């Protein structure tokens, strides 16, 4: 089980930045901001070799981050915590990313429309 956790998501040599990973998985917005501070804006402009996608393409596929946590140690109640998607954060730093198609010819808008049609409203408003 440990070996699988240490295997890279993509083949060795393909650029897969921490920002790509933070946008790909469902994680708090703070992780995307941390990755952005650590790696810099240049990685927002980097395509992955597998799909030709920018981090915005992956963020457009995610509605946002939400989790249910216990209110207290002895409490049975749960509190919902939700954050917006990383789409606006990325567009603030690199608005031109909205006009970049991936290897399949899909813009982040196309991906957001597909995600919204499958799960209701999502990142469509942010990209528009």
Protein backbone atom coordinates (compact mmCIF):
# COMPACT_ATOMS: atom_id res chain seq x y z
CA UNK A 1 0.00 0.00 0.00
CA UNK A 2 2.89 2.38 0.71
CA UNK A 3 4.44 1.95 -2.73
CA UNK A 4 1.24 3.08 -4.45
CA UNK A 5 1.17 6.26 -2.37
CA UNK A 6 4.70 7.14 -3.45
CA UNK A 7 4.11 6.65 -7.17
CA UNK A 8 3.82 9.84 -9.23
CA UNK A 9 0.41 10.73 -10.70
CA UNK A 10 1.91 10.90 -14.18
CA UNK A 11 4.89 9.38 -15.90
CA UNK A 12 8.23 10.75 -14.86
CA UNK A 13 9.30 13.81 -16.82
CA UNK A 14 5.82 15.21 -17.33
CA UNK A 15 5.37 18.62 -15.72
CA UNK A 16 2.87 18.30 -12.92
CA UNK A 17 3.21 21.19 -10.53
CA UNK A 18 1.95 21.47 -6.99
CA UNK A 19 -0.61 23.97 -8.30
CA UNK A 20 -1.87 21.43 -10.84
CA UNK A 21 -2.21 18.84 -8.06
CA UNK A 22 -3.98 21.25 -5.68
CA UNK A 23 -6.50 22.13 -8.40
CA UNK A 24 -6.92 18.50 -9.48
CA UNK A 25 -7.82 17.10 -6.07
CA UNK A 26 -10.53 18.48 -3.86
CA UNK A 27 -8.59 20.48 -1.29
CA UNK A 28 -9.00 23.74 0.62
CA UNK A 29 -8.36 26.99 -1.24
CA UNK A 30 -5.52 27.66 1.20
CA UNK A 31 -3.58 24.78 -0.40
CA UNK A 32 -3.88 26.38 -3.84
CA UNK A 33 -2.72 29.69 -2.39
CA UNK A 34 0.20 27.96 -0.66
CA UNK A 35 1.20 26.23 -3.90
CA UNK A 36 0.95 29.53 -5.75
CA UNK A 37 3.20 31.27 -3.21
CA UNK A 38 5.69 28.41 -3.23
CA UNK A 39 5.90 27.83 -6.98
CA UNK A 40 4.99 31.21 -8.39
CA UNK A 41 2.67 32.40 -11.11
CA UNK A 42 4.76 30.77 -13.87
CA UNK A 43 3.20 27.41 -13.00
CA UNK A 44 -0.28 28.80 -13.72
CA UNK A 45 0.93 29.12 -17.32
CA UNK A 46 2.38 25.60 -17.48
CA UNK A 47 0.47 22.89 -19.29
CA UNK A 48 0.70 19.29 -18.20
CA UNK A 49 1.97 16.99 -20.94
CA UNK A 50 -0.74 14.39 -20.57
CA UNK A 51 -3.77 16.59 -21.32
CA UNK A 52 -2.21 19.93 -22.19
CA UNK A 53 -4.13 21.49 -19.33
CA UNK A 54 -3.41 24.49 -17.17
CA UNK A 55 -4.32 24.44 -13.47
CA UNK A 56 -7.45 26.45 -14.41
CA UNK A 57 -8.74 23.52 -16.48
CA UNK A 58 -8.61 21.30 -13.39
CA UNK A 59 -10.07 23.97 -11.08
CA UNK A 60 -12.95 24.50 -13.52
CA UNK A 61 -13.92 20.88 -13.00
CA UNK A 62 -14.27 21.32 -9.22
CA UNK A 63 -17.21 23.05 -7.56
CA UNK A 64 -15.21 24.00 -4.48
CA UNK A 65 -14.21 22.52 -1.18
CA UNK A 66 -16.67 21.38 1.45
CA UNK A 67 -16.38 19.21 4.51
CA UNK A 68 -18.44 18.30 7.56
CA UNK A 69 -16.58 18.47 10.85
CA UNK A 70 -17.64 17.79 14.44
CA UNK A 71 -18.50 20.95 16.38
CA UNK A 72 -16.77 19.81 19.57
CA UNK A 73 -15.02 16.83 21.08
CA UNK A 74 -18.13 15.60 22.89
CA UNK A 75 -20.71 16.99 20.48
CA UNK A 76 -22.73 14.94 18.06
CA UNK A 77 -23.43 17.95 15.86
CA UNK A 78 -21.63 18.57 12.60
CA UNK A 79 -20.75 21.86 10.98
CA UNK A 80 -20.52 22.33 7.22
CA UNK A 81 -17.51 24.27 6.00
CA UNK A 82 -17.35 25.25 2.38
CA UNK A 83 -15.06 27.41 0.28
CA UNK A 84 -15.28 28.62 -3.30
CA UNK A 85 -13.36 26.99 -6.08
CA UNK A 86 -9.84 28.07 -6.98
CA UNK A 87 -11.10 29.42 -10.32
CA UNK A 88 -11.29 33.07 -9.22
CA UNK A 89 -7.91 32.87 -7.46
CA UNK A 90 -6.28 31.62 -10.65
CA UNK A 91 -8.08 34.12 -12.88
CA UNK A 92 -6.94 36.98 -10.62
CA UNK A 93 -3.32 36.06 -11.37
CA UNK A 94 -3.66 34.80 -14.95
CA UNK A 95 -6.93 35.88 -16.63
CA UNK A 96 -5.66 34.83 -20.06
CA UNK A 97 -5.92 31.20 -18.93
CA UNK A 98 -9.66 31.35 -19.66
CA UNK A 99 -8.82 31.51 -23.39
CA UNK A 100 -6.39 28.57 -23.47
CA UNK A 101 -7.64 25.28 -24.92
CA UNK A 102 -6.33 21.92 -23.72
CA UNK A 103 -5.15 19.06 -25.98
CA UNK A 104 -8.81 18.16 -26.70
CA UNK A 105 -9.64 21.72 -27.75
CA UNK A 106 -11.58 22.41 -24.55
CA UNK A 107 -11.44 25.78 -22.85
CA UNK A 108 -11.86 25.94 -19.06
CA UNK A 109 -15.39 27.22 -19.82
CA UNK A 110 -16.24 23.97 -21.62
CA UNK A 111 -14.99 21.96 -18.66
CA UNK A 112 -16.99 24.13 -16.23
CA UNK A 113 -20.14 23.65 -18.34
CA UNK A 114 -19.65 19.87 -18.34
CA UNK A 115 -19.08 19.85 -14.58
CA UNK A 116 -22.08 22.13 -13.95
CA UNK A 117 -24.35 19.95 -16.07
CA UNK A 118 -23.34 16.90 -14.03
CA UNK A 119 -23.48 18.48 -10.56
CA UNK A 120 -25.54 21.64 -10.82
CA UNK A 121 -24.10 25.16 -10.74
CA UNK A 122 -20.35 25.32 -10.26
CA UNK A 123 -17.60 27.48 -11.66
CA UNK A 124 -19.48 28.63 -14.71
CA UNK A 125 -20.25 32.08 -13.30
CA UNK A 126 -16.62 32.68 -12.29
CA UNK A 127 -15.29 31.94 -15.77
CA UNK A 128 -18.01 33.95 -17.52
